[in-house]
Full PDB file with SEQRES, HELIX, SHEET, SSBOND, CRYST1, ORIGX, SCALE, CONECT and MASTER records, all heavy atoms in Angstrom:
SEQRES   1 A   35  LEU PHE LEU CYS LEU MET VAL LEU PHE ALA TYR GLU THR          
SEQRES   2 A   35  TYR ARG TYR GLN PRO PHE LYS GLN ALA ALA ALA ALA ILE          
SEQRES   3 A   35  GLY GLY ALA ALA ALA ALA VAL PHE LEU                          
HELIX    1 AA1 PHE A    2  THR A   13  1                                  12    
HELIX    2 AA2 PRO A   18  PHE A   34  1                                  17    
CRYST1    1.000    1.000    1.000  90.00  90.00  90.00 P 1           1          
ORIGX1      1.000000  0.000000  0.000000        0.00000                         
ORIGX2      0.000000  1.000000  0.000000        0.00000                         
ORIGX3      0.000000  0.000000  1.000000        0.00000                         
SCALE1      1.000000  0.000000  0.000000        0.00000                         
SCALE2      0.000000  1.000000  0.000000        0.00000                         
SCALE3      0.000000  0.000000  1.000000        0.00000                         
ATOM      1  N   LEU A   1     -42.174-119.739 -26.916  1.00  0.00           N  
ATOM      2  CA  LEU A   1     -41.427-120.884 -26.399  1.00  0.00           C  
ATOM      3  C   LEU A   1     -40.161-121.126 -27.219  1.00  0.00           C  
ATOM      4  O   LEU A   1     -39.113-121.502 -26.661  1.00  0.00           O  
ATOM      5  CB  LEU A   1     -42.317-122.130 -26.405  1.00  0.00           C  
ATOM      6  CG  LEU A   1     -43.521-122.074 -25.467  1.00  0.00           C  
ATOM      7  CD1 LEU A   1     -44.408-123.301 -25.663  1.00  0.00           C  
ATOM      8  CD2 LEU A   1     -43.087-121.976 -24.014  1.00  0.00           C  
ATOM      9  N   PHE A   2     -40.234-120.899 -28.527  1.00  0.00           N  
ATOM     10  CA  PHE A   2     -39.051-121.071 -29.370  1.00  0.00           C  
ATOM     11  C   PHE A   2     -37.957-120.067 -28.975  1.00  0.00           C  
ATOM     12  O   PHE A   2     -36.785-120.430 -28.849  1.00  0.00           O  
ATOM     13  CB  PHE A   2     -39.427-120.894 -30.842  1.00  0.00           C  
ATOM     14  CG  PHE A   2     -38.244-120.923 -31.770  1.00  0.00           C  
ATOM     15  CD1 PHE A   2     -37.631-122.130 -32.092  1.00  0.00           C  
ATOM     16  CD2 PHE A   2     -37.743-119.744 -32.310  1.00  0.00           C  
ATOM     17  CE1 PHE A   2     -36.517-122.159 -32.941  1.00  0.00           C  
ATOM     18  CE2 PHE A   2     -36.647-119.770 -33.151  1.00  0.00           C  
ATOM     19  CZ  PHE A   2     -36.028-120.976 -33.470  1.00  0.00           C  
ATOM     20  N   LEU A   3     -38.343-118.812 -28.758  1.00  0.00           N  
ATOM     21  CA  LEU A   3     -37.369-117.807 -28.334  1.00  0.00           C  
ATOM     22  C   LEU A   3     -36.777-118.165 -26.962  1.00  0.00           C  
ATOM     23  O   LEU A   3     -35.574-117.993 -26.734  1.00  0.00           O  
ATOM     24  CB  LEU A   3     -38.027-116.427 -28.278  1.00  0.00           C  
ATOM     25  CG  LEU A   3     -38.412-115.806 -29.623  1.00  0.00           C  
ATOM     26  CD1 LEU A   3     -39.133-114.483 -29.401  1.00  0.00           C  
ATOM     27  CD2 LEU A   3     -37.182-115.601 -30.495  1.00  0.00           C  
ATOM     28  N   CYS A   4     -37.624-118.654 -26.058  1.00  0.00           N  
ATOM     29  CA  CYS A   4     -37.134-119.076 -24.741  1.00  0.00           C  
ATOM     30  C   CYS A   4     -36.108-120.201 -24.873  1.00  0.00           C  
ATOM     31  O   CYS A   4     -35.084-120.212 -24.182  1.00  0.00           O  
ATOM     32  CB  CYS A   4     -38.291-119.535 -23.865  1.00  0.00           C  
ATOM     33  SG  CYS A   4     -39.419-118.223 -23.355  1.00  0.00           S  
ATOM     34  N   LEU A   5     -36.388-121.144 -25.774  1.00  0.00           N  
ATOM     35  CA  LEU A   5     -35.459-122.257 -25.989  1.00  0.00           C  
ATOM     36  C   LEU A   5     -34.126-121.745 -26.515  1.00  0.00           C  
ATOM     37  O   LEU A   5     -33.053-122.214 -26.095  1.00  0.00           O  
ATOM     38  CB  LEU A   5     -36.068-123.265 -26.958  1.00  0.00           C  
ATOM     39  CG  LEU A   5     -35.221-124.510 -27.241  1.00  0.00           C  
ATOM     40  CD1 LEU A   5     -35.133-125.378 -25.995  1.00  0.00           C  
ATOM     41  CD2 LEU A   5     -35.791-125.308 -28.411  1.00  0.00           C  
ATOM     42  N   MET A   6     -34.168-120.783 -27.432  1.00  0.00           N  
ATOM     43  CA  MET A   6     -32.932-120.230 -27.979  1.00  0.00           C  
ATOM     44  C   MET A   6     -32.115-119.519 -26.893  1.00  0.00           C  
ATOM     45  O   MET A   6     -30.890-119.627 -26.861  1.00  0.00           O  
ATOM     46  CB  MET A   6     -33.259-119.260 -29.118  1.00  0.00           C  
ATOM     47  CG  MET A   6     -33.881-119.901 -30.350  1.00  0.00           C  
ATOM     48  SD  MET A   6     -32.808-121.168 -31.121  1.00  0.00           S  
ATOM     49  CE  MET A   6     -33.484-122.694 -30.425  1.00  0.00           C  
ATOM     50  N   VAL A   7     -32.803-118.805 -26.004  1.00  0.00           N  
ATOM     51  CA  VAL A   7     -32.099-118.137 -24.912  1.00  0.00           C  
ATOM     52  C   VAL A   7     -31.485-119.175 -23.968  1.00  0.00           C  
ATOM     53  O   VAL A   7     -30.336-119.021 -23.513  1.00  0.00           O  
ATOM     54  CB  VAL A   7     -33.043-117.190 -24.149  1.00  0.00           C  
ATOM     55  CG1 VAL A   7     -32.374-116.643 -22.900  1.00  0.00           C  
ATOM     56  CG2 VAL A   7     -33.492-116.041 -25.053  1.00  0.00           C  
ATOM     57  N   LEU A   8     -32.229-120.225 -23.665  1.00  0.00           N  
ATOM     58  CA  LEU A   8     -31.693-121.293 -22.815  1.00  0.00           C  
ATOM     59  C   LEU A   8     -30.453-121.923 -23.444  1.00  0.00           C  
ATOM     60  O   LEU A   8     -29.452-122.186 -22.766  1.00  0.00           O  
ATOM     61  CB  LEU A   8     -32.760-122.368 -22.591  1.00  0.00           C  
ATOM     62  CG  LEU A   8     -33.845-122.080 -21.560  1.00  0.00           C  
ATOM     63  CD1 LEU A   8     -34.920-123.156 -21.621  1.00  0.00           C  
ATOM     64  CD2 LEU A   8     -33.258-122.008 -20.166  1.00  0.00           C  
ATOM     65  N   PHE A   9     -30.530-122.170 -24.747  1.00  0.00           N  
ATOM     66  CA  PHE A   9     -29.407-122.788 -25.456  1.00  0.00           C  
ATOM     67  C   PHE A   9     -28.174-121.889 -25.396  1.00  0.00           C  
ATOM     68  O   PHE A   9     -27.059-122.347 -25.116  1.00  0.00           O  
ATOM     69  CB  PHE A   9     -29.800-123.054 -26.907  1.00  0.00           C  
ATOM     70  CG  PHE A   9     -28.704-123.670 -27.722  1.00  0.00           C  
ATOM     71  CD1 PHE A   9     -28.325-124.993 -27.538  1.00  0.00           C  
ATOM     72  CD2 PHE A   9     -28.037-122.920 -28.684  1.00  0.00           C  
ATOM     73  CE1 PHE A   9     -27.311-125.555 -28.287  1.00  0.00           C  
ATOM     74  CE2 PHE A   9     -27.018-123.473 -29.440  1.00  0.00           C  
ATOM     75  CZ  PHE A   9     -26.656-124.796 -29.247  1.00  0.00           C  
ATOM     76  N   ALA A  10     -28.374-120.594 -25.644  1.00  0.00           N  
ATOM     77  CA  ALA A  10     -27.253-119.650 -25.587  1.00  0.00           C  
ATOM     78  C   ALA A  10     -26.710-119.531 -24.164  1.00  0.00           C  
ATOM     79  O   ALA A  10     -25.497-119.469 -23.947  1.00  0.00           O  
ATOM     80  CB  ALA A  10     -27.707-118.290 -26.102  1.00  0.00           C  
ATOM     81  N   TYR A  11     -27.618-119.504 -23.192  1.00  0.00           N  
ATOM     82  CA  TYR A  11     -27.206-119.361 -21.789  1.00  0.00           C  
ATOM     83  C   TYR A  11     -26.368-120.554 -21.358  1.00  0.00           C  
ATOM     84  O   TYR A  11     -25.382-120.407 -20.631  1.00  0.00           O  
ATOM     85  CB  TYR A  11     -28.451-119.248 -20.909  1.00  0.00           C  
ATOM     86  CG  TYR A  11     -28.207-118.569 -19.591  1.00  0.00           C  
ATOM     87  CD1 TYR A  11     -28.254-117.181 -19.480  1.00  0.00           C  
ATOM     88  CD2 TYR A  11     -27.943-119.308 -18.443  1.00  0.00           C  
ATOM     89  CE1 TYR A  11     -28.028-116.551 -18.264  1.00  0.00           C  
ATOM     90  CE2 TYR A  11     -27.723-118.696 -17.224  1.00  0.00           C  
ATOM     91  CZ  TYR A  11     -27.762-117.307 -17.142  1.00  0.00           C  
ATOM     92  OH  TYR A  11     -27.525-116.698 -15.953  1.00  0.00           O  
ATOM     93  N   GLU A  12     -26.738-121.755 -21.812  1.00  0.00           N  
ATOM     94  CA  GLU A  12     -25.978-122.955 -21.463  1.00  0.00           C  
ATOM     95  C   GLU A  12     -24.663-123.020 -22.242  1.00  0.00           C  
ATOM     96  O   GLU A  12     -23.641-123.459 -21.707  1.00  0.00           O  
ATOM     97  CB  GLU A  12     -26.825-124.203 -21.746  1.00  0.00           C  
ATOM     98  CG  GLU A  12     -26.203-125.515 -21.308  1.00  0.00           C  
ATOM     99  CD  GLU A  12     -26.137-125.665 -19.798  1.00  0.00           C  
ATOM    100  OE1 GLU A  12     -26.765-124.856 -19.092  1.00  0.00           O  
ATOM    101  OE2 GLU A  12     -25.445-126.584 -19.332  1.00  0.00           O  
ATOM    102  N   THR A  13     -24.698-122.581 -23.502  1.00  0.00           N  
ATOM    103  CA  THR A  13     -23.487-122.600 -24.325  1.00  0.00           C  
ATOM    104  C   THR A  13     -22.405-121.688 -23.755  1.00  0.00           C  
ATOM    105  O   THR A  13     -21.230-122.033 -23.735  1.00  0.00           O  
ATOM    106  CB  THR A  13     -23.820-122.179 -25.768  1.00  0.00           C  
ATOM    107  OG1 THR A  13     -24.807-123.081 -26.314  1.00  0.00           O  
ATOM    108  CG2 THR A  13     -22.574-122.200 -26.647  1.00  0.00           C  
ATOM    109  N   TYR A  14     -22.849-120.511 -23.275  1.00  0.00           N  
ATOM    110  CA  TYR A  14     -21.910-119.529 -22.716  1.00  0.00           C  
ATOM    111  C   TYR A  14     -21.991-119.529 -21.191  1.00  0.00           C  
ATOM    112  O   TYR A  14     -22.105-118.478 -20.563  1.00  0.00           O  
ATOM    113  CB  TYR A  14     -22.212-118.137 -23.270  1.00  0.00           C  
ATOM    114  CG  TYR A  14     -22.158-118.075 -24.776  1.00  0.00           C  
ATOM    115  CD1 TYR A  14     -23.303-117.834 -25.527  1.00  0.00           C  
ATOM    116  CD2 TYR A  14     -20.957-118.269 -25.454  1.00  0.00           C  
ATOM    117  CE1 TYR A  14     -23.254-117.778 -26.908  1.00  0.00           C  
ATOM    118  CE2 TYR A  14     -20.903-118.224 -26.835  1.00  0.00           C  
ATOM    119  CZ  TYR A  14     -22.048-117.980 -27.564  1.00  0.00           C  
ATOM    120  OH  TYR A  14     -21.999-117.938 -28.933  1.00  0.00           O  
ATOM    121  N   ARG A  15     -21.885-120.708 -20.614  1.00  0.00           N  
ATOM    122  CA  ARG A  15     -22.099-120.885 -19.180  1.00  0.00           C  
ATOM    123  C   ARG A  15     -21.187-120.000 -18.343  1.00  0.00           C  
ATOM    124  O   ARG A  15     -21.621-119.424 -17.352  1.00  0.00           O  
ATOM    125  CB  ARG A  15     -21.893-122.360 -18.819  1.00  0.00           C  
ATOM    126  CG  ARG A  15     -21.840-122.635 -17.324  1.00  0.00           C  
ATOM    127  CD  ARG A  15     -21.819-124.099 -17.046  1.00  0.00           C  
ATOM    128  NE  ARG A  15     -23.095-124.690 -17.371  1.00  0.00           N  
ATOM    129  CZ  ARG A  15     -24.152-124.683 -16.557  1.00  0.00           C  
ATOM    130  NH1 ARG A  15     -24.073-124.093 -15.384  1.00  0.00           N  
ATOM    131  NH2 ARG A  15     -25.276-125.241 -16.917  1.00  0.00           N  
ATOM    132  N   TYR A  16     -19.945-119.882 -18.700  1.00  0.00           N  
ATOM    133  CA  TYR A  16     -18.995-119.124 -17.883  1.00  0.00           C  
ATOM    134  C   TYR A  16     -18.653-117.781 -18.518  1.00  0.00           C  
ATOM    135  O   TYR A  16     -17.580-117.236 -18.268  1.00  0.00           O  
ATOM    136  CB  TYR A  16     -17.732-119.962 -17.662  1.00  0.00           C  
ATOM    137  CG  TYR A  16     -18.036-121.269 -16.975  1.00  0.00           C  
ATOM    138  CD1 TYR A  16     -17.974-122.475 -17.679  1.00  0.00           C  
ATOM    139  CD2 TYR A  16     -18.430-121.301 -15.634  1.00  0.00           C  
ATOM    140  CE1 TYR A  16     -18.277-123.676 -17.053  1.00  0.00           C  
ATOM    141  CE2 TYR A  16     -18.730-122.495 -15.010  1.00  0.00           C  
ATOM    142  CZ  TYR A  16     -18.653-123.678 -15.715  1.00  0.00           C  
ATOM    143  OH  TYR A  16     -18.963-124.857 -15.105  1.00  0.00           O  
ATOM    144  N   GLN A  17     -19.566-117.264 -19.349  1.00  0.00           N  
ATOM    145  CA  GLN A  17     -19.368-115.970 -19.992  1.00  0.00           C  
ATOM    146  C   GLN A  17     -20.604-115.099 -19.726  1.00  0.00           C  
ATOM    147  O   GLN A  17     -21.507-115.034 -20.559  1.00  0.00           O  
ATOM    148  CB  GLN A  17     -19.126-116.145 -21.486  1.00  0.00           C  
ATOM    149  CG  GLN A  17     -17.926-117.041 -21.800  1.00  0.00           C  
ATOM    150  CD  GLN A  17     -17.733-117.246 -23.283  1.00  0.00           C  
ATOM    151  OE1 GLN A  17     -17.572-116.308 -24.046  1.00  0.00           O  
ATOM    152  NE2 GLN A  17     -17.744-118.507 -23.699  1.00  0.00           N  
ATOM    153  N   PRO A  18     -20.659-114.460 -18.565  1.00  0.00           N  
ATOM    154  CA  PRO A  18     -21.875-113.754 -18.143  1.00  0.00           C  
ATOM    155  C   PRO A  18     -22.314-112.633 -19.086  1.00  0.00           C  
ATOM    156  O   PRO A  18     -23.505-112.384 -19.218  1.00  0.00           O  
ATOM    157  CB  PRO A  18     -21.506-113.203 -16.759  1.00  0.00           C  
ATOM    158  CG  PRO A  18     -20.018-113.213 -16.714  1.00  0.00           C  
ATOM    159  CD  PRO A  18     -19.588-114.363 -17.555  1.00  0.00           C  
ATOM    160  N   PHE A  19     -21.364-111.975 -19.743  1.00  0.00           N  
ATOM    161  CA  PHE A  19     -21.751-110.897 -20.645  1.00  0.00           C  
ATOM    162  C   PHE A  19     -22.508-111.445 -21.861  1.00  0.00           C  
ATOM    163  O   PHE A  19     -23.493-110.858 -22.312  1.00  0.00           O  
ATOM    164  CB  PHE A  19     -20.526-110.093 -21.086  1.00  0.00           C  
ATOM    165  CG  PHE A  19     -19.922-109.270 -19.988  1.00  0.00           C  
ATOM    166  CD1 PHE A  19     -18.731-109.654 -19.384  1.00  0.00           C  
ATOM    167  CD2 PHE A  19     -20.559-108.113 -19.531  1.00  0.00           C  
ATOM    168  CE1 PHE A  19     -18.191-108.903 -18.352  1.00  0.00           C  
ATOM    169  CE2 PHE A  19     -20.023-107.350 -18.494  1.00  0.00           C  
ATOM    170  CZ  PHE A  19     -18.834-107.752 -17.909  1.00  0.00           C  
ATOM    171  N   LYS A  20     -22.049-112.571 -22.375  1.00  0.00           N  
ATOM    172  CA  LYS A  20     -22.755-113.193 -23.497  1.00  0.00           C  
ATOM    173  C   LYS A  20     -24.108-113.749 -23.053  1.00  0.00           C  
ATOM    174  O   LYS A  20     -25.080-113.711 -23.812  1.00  0.00           O  
ATOM    175  CB  LYS A  20     -21.894-114.299 -24.108  1.00  0.00           C  
ATOM    176  CG  LYS A  20     -20.676-113.779 -24.856  1.00  0.00           C  
ATOM    177  CD  LYS A  20     -19.927-114.908 -25.547  1.00  0.00           C  
ATOM    178  CE  LYS A  20     -18.744-114.358 -26.343  1.00  0.00           C  
ATOM    179  NZ  LYS A  20     -17.995-115.423 -27.046  1.00  0.00           N  
ATOM    180  N   GLN A  21     -24.172-114.260 -21.831  1.00  0.00           N  
ATOM    181  CA  GLN A  21     -25.453-114.734 -21.306  1.00  0.00           C  
ATOM    182  C   GLN A  21     -26.437-113.574 -21.189  1.00  0.00           C  
ATOM    183  O   GLN A  21     -27.615-113.705 -21.560  1.00  0.00           O  
ATOM    184  CB  GLN A  21     -25.243-115.388 -19.938  1.00  0.00           C  
ATOM    185  CG  GLN A  21     -24.536-116.721 -19.990  1.00  0.00           C  
ATOM    186  CD  GLN A  21     -24.330-117.311 -18.608  1.00  0.00           C  
ATOM    187  OE1 GLN A  21     -24.117-116.590 -17.630  1.00  0.00           O  
ATOM    188  NE2 GLN A  21     -24.397-118.627 -18.510  1.00  0.00           N  
ATOM    189  N   ALA A  22     -25.965-112.434 -20.682  1.00  0.00           N  
ATOM    190  CA  ALA A  22     -26.827-111.260 -20.562  1.00  0.00           C  
ATOM    191  C   ALA A  22     -27.273-110.778 -21.939  1.00  0.00           C  
ATOM    192  O   ALA A  22     -28.429-110.398 -22.138  1.00  0.00           O  
ATOM    193  CB  ALA A  22     -26.092-110.146 -19.826  1.00  0.00           C  
ATOM    194  N   ALA A  23     -26.353-110.810 -22.910  1.00  0.00           N  
ATOM    195  CA  ALA A  23     -26.703-110.392 -24.272  1.00  0.00           C  
ATOM    196  C   ALA A  23     -27.768-111.307 -24.861  1.00  0.00           C  
ATOM    197  O   ALA A  23     -28.692-110.844 -25.561  1.00  0.00           O  
ATOM    198  CB  ALA A  23     -25.456-110.390 -25.152  1.00  0.00           C  
ATOM    199  N   ALA A  24     -27.675-112.609 -24.579  1.00  0.00           N  
ATOM    200  CA  ALA A  24     -28.672-113.555 -25.075  1.00  0.00           C  
ATOM    201  C   ALA A  24     -30.043-113.277 -24.469  1.00  0.00           C  
ATOM    202  O   ALA A  24     -31.064-113.305 -25.170  1.00  0.00           O  
ATOM    203  CB  ALA A  24     -28.236-114.988 -24.765  1.00  0.00           C  
ATOM    204  N   ALA A  25     -30.076-113.004 -23.159  1.00  0.00           N  
ATOM    205  CA  ALA A  25     -31.349-112.715 -22.491  1.00  0.00           C  
ATOM    206  C   ALA A  25     -31.964-111.428 -23.032  1.00  0.00           C  
ATOM    207  O   ALA A  25     -33.171-111.369 -23.321  1.00  0.00           O  
ATOM    208  CB  ALA A  25     -31.142-112.615 -20.987  1.00  0.00           C  
ATOM    209  N   ILE A  26     -31.150-110.389 -23.209  1.00  0.00           N  
ATOM    210  CA  ILE A  26     -31.649-109.112 -23.726  1.00  0.00           C  
ATOM    211  C   ILE A  26     -32.105-109.273 -25.169  1.00  0.00           C  
ATOM    212  O   ILE A  26     -33.143-108.743 -25.580  1.00  0.00           O  
ATOM    213  CB  ILE A  26     -30.556-108.027 -23.615  1.00  0.00           C  
ATOM    214  CG1 ILE A  26     -30.268-107.729 -22.140  1.00  0.00           C  
ATOM    215  CG2 ILE A  26     -30.982-106.754 -24.333  1.00  0.00           C  
ATOM    216  CD1 ILE A  26     -29.066-106.827 -21.916  1.00  0.00           C  
ATOM    217  N   GLY A  27     -31.328-110.037 -25.956  1.00  0.00           N  
ATOM    218  CA  GLY A  27     -31.712-110.277 -27.347  1.00  0.00           C  
ATOM    219  C   GLY A  27     -33.027-111.037 -27.455  1.00  0.00           C  
ATOM    220  O   GLY A  27     -33.862-110.730 -28.312  1.00  0.00           O  
ATOM    221  N   GLY A  28     -33.218-112.030 -26.587  1.00  0.00           N  
ATOM    222  CA  GLY A  28     -34.475-112.777 -26.596  1.00  0.00           C  
ATOM    223  C   GLY A  28     -35.663-111.906 -26.240  1.00  0.00           C  
ATOM    224  O   GLY A  28     -36.716-111.986 -26.855  1.00  0.00           O  
ATOM    225  N   ALA A  29     -35.479-111.038 -25.219  1.00  0.00           N  
ATOM    226  CA  ALA A  29     -36.555-110.129 -24.822  1.00  0.00           C  
ATOM    227  C   ALA A  29     -36.870-109.140 -25.942  1.00  0.00           C  
ATOM    228  O   ALA A  29     -38.038-108.853 -26.230  1.00  0.00           O  
ATOM    229  CB  ALA A  29     -36.165-109.380 -23.552  1.00  0.00           C  
ATOM    230  N   ALA A  30     -35.818-108.621 -26.602  1.00  0.00           N  
ATOM    231  CA  ALA A  30     -36.029-107.673 -27.704  1.00  0.00           C  
ATOM    232  C   ALA A  30     -36.749-108.343 -28.870  1.00  0.00           C  
ATOM    233  O   ALA A  30     -37.651-107.755 -29.485  1.00  0.00           O  
ATOM    234  CB  ALA A  30     -34.684-107.105 -28.159  1.00  0.00           C  
ATOM    235  N   ALA A  31     -36.369-109.588 -29.181  1.00  0.00           N  
ATOM    236  CA  ALA A  31     -37.027-110.324 -30.262  1.00  0.00           C  
ATOM    237  C   ALA A  31     -38.498-110.573 -29.938  1.00  0.00           C  
ATOM    238  O   ALA A  31     -39.368-110.495 -30.820  1.00  0.00           O  
ATOM    239  CB  ALA A  31     -36.312-111.648 -30.514  1.00  0.00           C  
ATOM    240  N   ALA A  32     -38.788-110.863 -28.668  1.00  0.00           N  
ATOM    241  CA  ALA A  32     -40.175-111.094 -28.259  1.00  0.00           C  
ATOM    242  C   ALA A  32     -41.025-109.848 -28.466  1.00  0.00           C  
ATOM    243  O   ALA A  32     -42.173-109.922 -28.933  1.00  0.00           O  
ATOM    244  CB  ALA A  32     -40.217-111.528 -26.801  1.00  0.00           C  
ATOM    245  N   VAL A  33     -40.461-108.680 -28.138  1.00  0.00           N  
ATOM    246  CA  VAL A  33     -41.194-107.424 -28.318  1.00  0.00           C  
ATOM    247  C   VAL A  33     -41.348-107.108 -29.806  1.00  0.00           C  
ATOM    248  O   VAL A  33     -42.425-106.725 -30.281  1.00  0.00           O  
ATOM    249  CB  VAL A  33     -40.484-106.266 -27.598  1.00  0.00           C  
ATOM    250  CG1 VAL A  33     -41.156-104.932 -27.908  1.00  0.00           C  
ATOM    251  CG2 VAL A  33     -40.484-106.513 -26.094  1.00  0.00           C  
ATOM    252  N   PHE A  34     -40.271-107.264 -30.573  1.00  0.00           N  
ATOM    253  CA  PHE A  34     -40.288-106.937 -31.993  1.00  0.00           C  
ATOM    254  C   PHE A  34     -41.288-107.807 -32.750  1.00  0.00           C  
ATOM    255  O   PHE A  34     -42.020-107.326 -33.634  1.00  0.00           O  
ATOM    256  CB  PHE A  34     -38.889-107.103 -32.583  1.00  0.00           C  
ATOM    257  CG  PHE A  34     -38.817-106.857 -34.059  1.00  0.00           C  
ATOM    258  CD1 PHE A  34     -38.837-105.559 -34.555  1.00  0.00           C  
ATOM    259  CD2 PHE A  34     -38.734-107.921 -34.952  1.00  0.00           C  
ATOM    260  CE1 PHE A  34     -38.781-105.329 -35.925  1.00  0.00           C  
ATOM    261  CE2 PHE A  34     -38.681-107.696 -36.312  1.00  0.00           C  
ATOM    262  CZ  PHE A  34     -38.706-106.399 -36.812  1.00  0.00           C  
ATOM    263  N   LEU A  35     -41.326-109.098 -32.423  1.00  0.00           N  
ATOM    264  CA  LEU A  35     -42.232-110.022 -33.110  1.00  0.00           C  
ATOM    265  C   LEU A  35     -43.642-110.008 -32.534  1.00  0.00           C  
ATOM    266  O   LEU A  35     -44.536-110.643 -33.086  1.00  0.00           O  
ATOM    267  CB  LEU A  35     -41.667-111.449 -33.042  1.00  0.00           C  
ATOM    268  CG  LEU A  35     -40.336-111.692 -33.769  1.00  0.00           C  
ATOM    269  CD1 LEU A  35     -39.818-113.080 -33.484  1.00  0.00           C  
ATOM    270  CD2 LEU A  35     -40.508-111.480 -35.273  1.00  0.00           C  
TER     271      LEU A  35                                                      
MASTER        0    0    0    2    0    0    0    6  270    1    0    3          
END                                                                             
């Protein structure tokens, strides 16, 4: 849930920057697998 919150925060922060939003989603998924 903490990782999900961080992805939501990044997604909202970079609302009009789709590449950064995609990077946040991929980073969150990678962190979930790594941890």
